[in-house]
Amino acid sequence: MEQTEKAVNTATNYHVKPKKNVLTPKNAPYVFMAPAFLLIVIFTVYPVISSFILSFQEVRG
């Protein structure tokens, strides 16, 4: 009877990892600046690269 009781106790003893918080004081500035940086990239960097690529194309109208 002791062996089955030990088996049951060892089966239920599992380690629960603590939940990681995304917003820590170390990475909070990056999380809050990410949307602004993404908008800057979308509306400034992408059009510049796109127009640079289009400048090498020839279109006859």
PDB file of N, CA and C in Angstrom:
ATOM      1  N   MET A   1       0.822  -1.191   0.000  1.00  0.00           N
ATOM      2  CA  MET A   1       0.000   0.000   0.000  1.00  0.00           C
ATOM      3  C   MET A   1       0.870   1.262   0.000  1.00  0.00           C
ATOM      4  N   GLU A   2       2.002   1.198   0.627  1.00  0.00           N
ATOM      5  CA  GLU A   2       2.880   2.356   0.663  1.00  0.00           C
ATOM      6  C   GLU A   2       3.460   2.662  -0.715  1.00  0.00           C
ATOM      7  N   GLN A   3       3.711   1.628  -1.496  1.00  0.00           N
ATOM      8  CA  GLN A   3       4.280   1.841  -2.824  1.00  0.00           C
ATOM      9  C   GLN A   3       3.295   2.563  -3.739  1.00  0.00           C
ATOM     10  N   THR A   4       2.041   2.196  -3.704  1.00  0.00           N
ATOM     11  CA  THR A   4       1.058   2.869  -4.549  1.00  0.00           C
ATOM     12  C   THR A   4       0.843   4.300  -4.085  1.00  0.00           C
ATOM     13  N   GLU A   5       0.920   4.523  -2.780  1.00  0.00           N
ATOM     14  CA  GLU A   5       0.752   5.873  -2.261  1.00  0.00           C
ATOM     15  C   GLU A   5       1.916   6.761  -2.706  1.00  0.00           C
ATOM     16  N   LYS A   6       3.124   6.228  -2.707  1.00  0.00           N
ATOM     17  CA  LYS A   6       4.281   6.986  -3.173  1.00  0.00           C
ATOM     18  C   LYS A   6       4.172   7.285  -4.662  1.00  0.00           C
ATOM     19  N   ALA A   7       3.686   6.321  -5.417  1.00  0.00           N
ATOM     20  CA  ALA A   7       3.535   6.521  -6.853  1.00  0.00           C
ATOM     21  C   ALA A   7       2.536   7.626  -7.147  1.00  0.00           C
ATOM     22  N   VAL A   8       1.470   7.666  -6.398  1.00  0.00           N
ATOM     23  CA  VAL A   8       0.464   8.710  -6.584  1.00  0.00           C
ATOM     24  C   VAL A   8       1.036  10.057  -6.200  1.00  0.00           C
ATOM     25  N   ASN A   9       1.788  10.123  -5.111  1.00  0.00           N
ATOM     26  CA  ASN A   9       2.368  11.393  -4.672  1.00  0.00           C
ATOM     27  C   ASN A   9       3.425  11.893  -5.640  1.00  0.00           C
ATOM     28  N   THR A  10       4.246  11.003  -6.180  1.00  0.00           N
ATOM     29  CA  THR A  10       5.260  11.463  -7.126  1.00  0.00           C
ATOM     30  C   THR A  10       4.634  11.879  -8.453  1.00  0.00           C
ATOM     31  N   ALA A  11       3.517  11.290  -8.801  1.00  0.00           N
ATOM     32  CA  ALA A  11       2.860  11.663 -10.047  1.00  0.00           C
ATOM     33  C   ALA A  11       2.241  13.052  -9.956  1.00  0.00           C
ATOM     34  N   THR A  12       1.818  13.450  -8.778  1.00  0.00           N
ATOM     35  CA  THR A  12       1.179  14.756  -8.635  1.00  0.00           C
ATOM     36  C   THR A  12       2.174  15.858  -8.294  1.00  0.00           C
ATOM     37  N   ASN A  13       3.410  15.516  -8.000  1.00  0.00           N
ATOM     38  CA  ASN A  13       4.419  16.535  -7.701  1.00  0.00           C
ATOM     39  C   ASN A  13       5.073  16.988  -8.996  1.00  0.00           C
ATOM     40  N   TYR A  14       4.520  17.995  -9.608  1.00  0.00           N
ATOM     41  CA  TYR A  14       5.088  18.549 -10.827  1.00  0.00           C
ATOM     42  C   TYR A  14       5.401  20.011 -10.586  1.00  0.00           C
ATOM     43  N   HIS A  15       6.382  20.488 -11.312  1.00  0.00           N
ATOM     44  CA  HIS A  15       6.847  21.861 -11.140  1.00  0.00           C
ATOM     45  C   HIS A  15       6.049  22.787 -12.055  1.00  0.00           C
ATOM     46  N   VAL A  16       5.429  23.790 -11.481  1.00  0.00           N
ATOM     47  CA  VAL A  16       4.669  24.764 -12.256  1.00  0.00           C
ATOM     48  C   VAL A  16       5.560  25.979 -12.485  1.00  0.00           C
ATOM     49  N   LYS A  17       5.794  26.292 -13.748  1.00  0.00           N
ATOM     50  CA  LYS A  17       6.618  27.450 -14.070  1.00  0.00           C
ATOM     51  C   LYS A  17       5.814  28.725 -13.833  1.00  0.00           C
ATOM     52  N   PRO A  18       6.447  29.732 -13.260  1.00  0.00           N
ATOM     53  CA  PRO A  18       5.729  30.996 -13.074  1.00  0.00           C
ATOM     54  C   PRO A  18       5.478  31.663 -14.421  1.00  0.00           C
ATOM     55  N   LYS A  19       4.347  32.335 -14.518  1.00  0.00           N
ATOM     56  CA  LYS A  19       3.975  32.998 -15.763  1.00  0.00           C
ATOM     57  C   LYS A  19       4.880  34.204 -15.981  1.00  0.00           C
ATOM     58  N   LYS A  20       5.452  34.289 -17.182  1.00  0.00           N
ATOM     59  CA  LYS A  20       6.320  35.414 -17.498  1.00  0.00           C
ATOM     60  C   LYS A  20       5.473  36.615 -17.883  1.00  0.00           C
ATOM     61  N   ASN A  21       5.806  37.739 -17.317  1.00  0.00           N
ATOM     62  CA  ASN A  21       5.102  38.971 -17.609  1.00  0.00           C
ATOM     63  C   ASN A  21       5.775  39.652 -18.800  1.00  0.00           C
ATOM     64  N   VAL A  22       5.013  40.028 -19.791  1.00  0.00           N
ATOM     65  CA  VAL A  22       5.563  40.648 -20.994  1.00  0.00           C
ATOM     66  C   VAL A  22       6.034  42.066 -20.699  1.00  0.00           C
ATOM     67  N   LEU A  23       5.326  42.752 -19.859  1.00  0.00           N
ATOM     68  CA  LEU A  23       5.626  44.153 -19.591  1.00  0.00           C
ATOM     69  C   LEU A  23       6.423  44.271 -18.290  1.00  0.00           C
ATOM     70  N   THR A  24       7.735  44.197 -18.422  1.00  0.00           N
ATOM     71  CA  THR A  24       8.618  44.375 -17.271  1.00  0.00           C
ATOM     72  C   THR A  24       9.257  45.747 -17.371  1.00  0.00           C
ATOM     73  N   PRO A  25       9.790  46.261 -16.289  1.00  0.00           N
ATOM     74  CA  PRO A  25      10.438  47.579 -16.365  1.00  0.00           C
ATOM     75  C   PRO A  25      11.596  47.623 -17.359  1.00  0.00           C
ATOM     76  N   LYS A  26      12.207  46.476 -17.620  1.00  0.00           N
ATOM     77  CA  LYS A  26      13.333  46.447 -18.540  1.00  0.00           C
ATOM     78  C   LYS A  26      12.893  46.595 -19.993  1.00  0.00           C
ATOM     79  N   ASN A  27      11.775  45.965 -20.376  1.00  0.00           N
ATOM     80  CA  ASN A  27      11.359  46.014 -21.779  1.00  0.00           C
ATOM     81  C   ASN A  27      10.124  46.876 -22.016  1.00  0.00           C
ATOM     82  N   ALA A  28       9.633  47.578 -21.031  1.00  0.00           N
ATOM     83  CA  ALA A  28       8.454  48.430 -21.202  1.00  0.00           C
ATOM     84  C   ALA A  28       8.659  49.529 -22.244  1.00  0.00           C
ATOM     85  N   PRO A  29       9.809  50.218 -22.260  1.00  0.00           N
ATOM     86  CA  PRO A  29       9.980  51.251 -23.294  1.00  0.00           C
ATOM     87  C   PRO A  29       9.899  50.697 -24.716  1.00  0.00           C
ATOM     88  N   TYR A  30      10.437  49.498 -24.924  1.00  0.00           N
ATOM     89  CA  TYR A  30      10.405  48.903 -26.259  1.00  0.00           C
ATOM     90  C   TYR A  30       8.990  48.516 -26.659  1.00  0.00           C
ATOM     91  N   VAL A  31       8.211  48.055 -25.711  1.00  0.00           N
ATOM     92  CA  VAL A  31       6.830  47.662 -26.006  1.00  0.00           C
ATOM     93  C   VAL A  31       6.003  48.892 -26.378  1.00  0.00           C
ATOM     94  N   PHE A  32       6.216  49.989 -25.675  1.00  0.00           N
ATOM     95  CA  PHE A  32       5.434  51.194 -25.957  1.00  0.00           C
ATOM     96  C   PHE A  32       5.911  51.916 -27.219  1.00  0.00           C
ATOM     97  N   MET A  33       7.176  51.774 -27.581  1.00  0.00           N
ATOM     98  CA  MET A  33       7.689  52.443 -28.775  1.00  0.00           C
ATOM     99  C   MET A  33       7.500  51.620 -30.041  1.00  0.00           C
ATOM    100  N   ALA A  34       7.191  50.369 -29.924  1.00  0.00           N
ATOM    101  CA  ALA A  34       7.057  49.487 -31.084  1.00  0.00           C
ATOM    102  C   ALA A  34       5.985  49.952 -32.076  1.00  0.00           C
ATOM    103  N   PRO A  35       4.783  50.341 -31.641  1.00  0.00           N
ATOM    104  CA  PRO A  35       3.789  50.803 -32.628  1.00  0.00           C
ATOM    105  C   PRO A  35       4.239  52.056 -33.387  1.00  0.00           C
ATOM    106  N   ALA A  36       4.872  52.997 -32.696  1.00  0.00           N
ATOM    107  CA  ALA A  36       5.339  54.208 -33.370  1.00  0.00           C
ATOM    108  C   ALA A  36       6.438  53.872 -34.369  1.00  0.00           C
ATOM    109  N   PHE A  37       7.337  53.006 -33.980  1.00  0.00           N
ATOM    110  CA  PHE A  37       8.412  52.605 -34.895  1.00  0.00           C
ATOM    111  C   PHE A  37       7.851  51.879 -36.106  1.00  0.00           C
ATOM    112  N   LEU A  38       6.868  51.048 -35.886  1.00  0.00           N
ATOM    113  CA  LEU A  38       6.242  50.323 -36.993  1.00  0.00           C
ATOM    114  C   LEU A  38       5.566  51.287 -37.973  1.00  0.00           C
ATOM    115  N   LEU A  39       4.880  52.294 -37.463  1.00  0.00           N
ATOM    116  CA  LEU A  39       4.246  53.280 -38.345  1.00  0.00           C
ATOM    117  C   LEU A  39       5.277  54.093 -39.124  1.00  0.00           C
ATOM    118  N   ILE A  40       6.381  54.439 -38.490  1.00  0.00           N
ATOM    119  CA  ILE A  40       7.441  55.164 -39.191  1.00  0.00           C
ATOM    120  C   ILE A  40       7.994  54.326 -40.324  1.00  0.00           C
ATOM    121  N   VAL A  41       8.211  53.054 -40.068  1.00  0.00           N
ATOM    122  CA  VAL A  41       8.742  52.173 -41.104  1.00  0.00           C
ATOM    123  C   VAL A  41       7.746  52.038 -42.252  1.00  0.00           C
ATOM    124  N   ILE A  42       6.478  51.871 -41.916  1.00  0.00           N
ATOM    125  CA  ILE A  42       5.471  51.671 -42.961  1.00  0.00           C
ATOM    126  C   ILE A  42       5.323  52.910 -43.838  1.00  0.00           C
ATOM    127  N   PHE A  43       5.286  54.089 -43.228  1.00  0.00           N
ATOM    128  CA  PHE A  43       4.965  55.303 -43.994  1.00  0.00           C
ATOM    129  C   PHE A  43       6.175  56.096 -44.475  1.00  0.00           C
ATOM    130  N   THR A  44       7.390  55.748 -44.091  1.00  0.00           N
ATOM    131  CA  THR A  44       8.553  56.482 -44.597  1.00  0.00           C
ATOM    132  C   THR A  44       9.568  55.574 -45.274  1.00  0.00           C
ATOM    133  N   VAL A  45       9.995  54.544 -44.602  1.00  0.00           N
ATOM    134  CA  VAL A  45      11.060  53.704 -45.145  1.00  0.00           C
ATOM    135  C   VAL A  45      10.559  52.892 -46.336  1.00  0.00           C
ATOM    136  N   TYR A  46       9.403  52.298 -46.239  1.00  0.00           N
ATOM    137  CA  TYR A  46       8.872  51.498 -47.342  1.00  0.00           C
ATOM    138  C   TYR A  46       8.672  52.320 -48.621  1.00  0.00           C
ATOM    139  N   PRO A  47       8.081  53.505 -48.576  1.00  0.00           N
ATOM    140  CA  PRO A  47       7.949  54.282 -49.823  1.00  0.00           C
ATOM    141  C   PRO A  47       9.289  54.698 -50.428  1.00  0.00           C
ATOM    142  N   VAL A  48      10.278  54.978 -49.595  1.00  0.00           N
ATOM    143  CA  VAL A  48      11.589  55.351 -50.121  1.00  0.00           C
ATOM    144  C   VAL A  48      12.206  54.177 -50.864  1.00  0.00           C
ATOM    145  N   ILE A  49      12.156  53.011 -50.275  1.00  0.00           N
ATOM    146  CA  ILE A  49      12.715  51.819 -50.929  1.00  0.00           C
ATOM    147  C   ILE A  49      11.922  51.479 -52.190  1.00  0.00           C
ATOM    148  N   SER A  50      10.615  51.594 -52.109  1.00  0.00           N
ATOM    149  CA  SER A  50       9.774  51.304 -53.266  1.00  0.00           C
ATOM    150  C   SER A  50      10.061  52.276 -54.417  1.00  0.00           C
ATOM    151  N   SER A  51      10.196  53.563 -54.147  1.00  0.00           N
ATOM    152  CA  SER A  51      10.487  54.532 -55.211  1.00  0.00           C
ATOM    153  C   SER A  51      11.890  54.340 -55.771  1.00  0.00           C
ATOM    154  N   PHE A  52      12.828  53.908 -54.944  1.00  0.00           N
ATOM    155  CA  PHE A  52      14.172  53.610 -55.430  1.00  0.00           C
ATOM    156  C   PHE A  52      14.141  52.448 -56.419  1.00  0.00           C
ATOM    157  N   ILE A  53      13.378  51.426 -56.118  1.00  0.00           N
ATOM    158  CA  ILE A  53      13.254  50.286 -57.026  1.00  0.00           C
ATOM    159  C   ILE A  53      12.541  50.699 -58.314  1.00  0.00           C
ATOM    160  N   LEU A  54      11.486  51.505 -58.190  1.00  0.00           N
ATOM    161  CA  LEU A  54      10.744  51.947 -59.382  1.00  0.00           C
ATOM    162  C   LEU A  54      11.580  52.865 -60.263  1.00  0.00           C
ATOM    163  N   SER A  55      12.572  53.557 -59.725  1.00  0.00           N
ATOM    164  CA  SER A  55      13.367  54.463 -60.531  1.00  0.00           C
ATOM    165  C   SER A  55      14.225  53.746 -61.550  1.00  0.00           C
ATOM    166  N   PHE A  56      14.460  52.469 -61.389  1.00  0.00           N
ATOM    167  CA  PHE A  56      15.253  51.695 -62.327  1.00  0.00           C
ATOM    168  C   PHE A  56      14.403  51.008 -63.400  1.00  0.00           C
ATOM    169  N   GLN A  57      13.116  51.223 -63.380  1.00  0.00           N
ATOM    170  CA  GLN A  57      12.243  50.608 -64.354  1.00  0.00           C
ATOM    171  C   GLN A  57      11.908  51.608 -65.456  1.00  0.00           C
ATOM    172  N   GLU A  58      11.712  51.085 -66.634  1.00  0.00           N
ATOM    173  CA  GLU A  58      11.393  51.946 -67.769  1.00  0.00           C
ATOM    174  C   GLU A  58       9.976  51.629 -68.260  1.00  0.00           C
ATOM    175  N   VAL A  59       9.165  52.645 -68.362  1.00  0.00           N
ATOM    176  CA  VAL A  59       7.782  52.480 -68.810  1.00  0.00           C
ATOM    177  C   VAL A  59       7.568  53.421 -69.980  1.00  0.00           C
ATOM    178  N   ARG A  60       7.070  52.880 -71.080  1.00  0.00           N
ATOM    179  CA  ARG A  60       6.770  53.715 -72.250  1.00  0.00           C
ATOM    180  C   ARG A  60       5.258  53.884 -72.353  1.00  0.00           C
ATOM    181  N   GLY A  61       4.840  55.108 -72.297  1.00  0.00           N
ATOM    182  CA  GLY A  61       3.408  55.378 -72.302  1.00  0.00           C
ATOM    183  C   GLY A  61       2.832  55.628 -73.663  1.00  0.00           C
TER     184      GLY A  61
END
